Amino acid sequence: MLMAAVNWFKMSDKPDMTEIARFDKTKLKKTETKEKNPLPTKETIEQERKGDATP
């Protein structure tokens, strides 16, 4: 019985590309991404360095 279940659910090394081929990109909503935690600019880093160097 276990062997029948294993044969029914076969794993493959190659992914099934049929769903990807049928995917319709035009149905996606347009979004605008915003960076939540932007990296500091070079100027900001220099200001922090100068501020930390003074006693």
Foldseek 3Di string as FASTA:
>chain_A
DVVVVDVVDDDDPDDDCPVVVPDDPVPDDDDDDDDPDDDDDPVVVVVVVVVVVDD
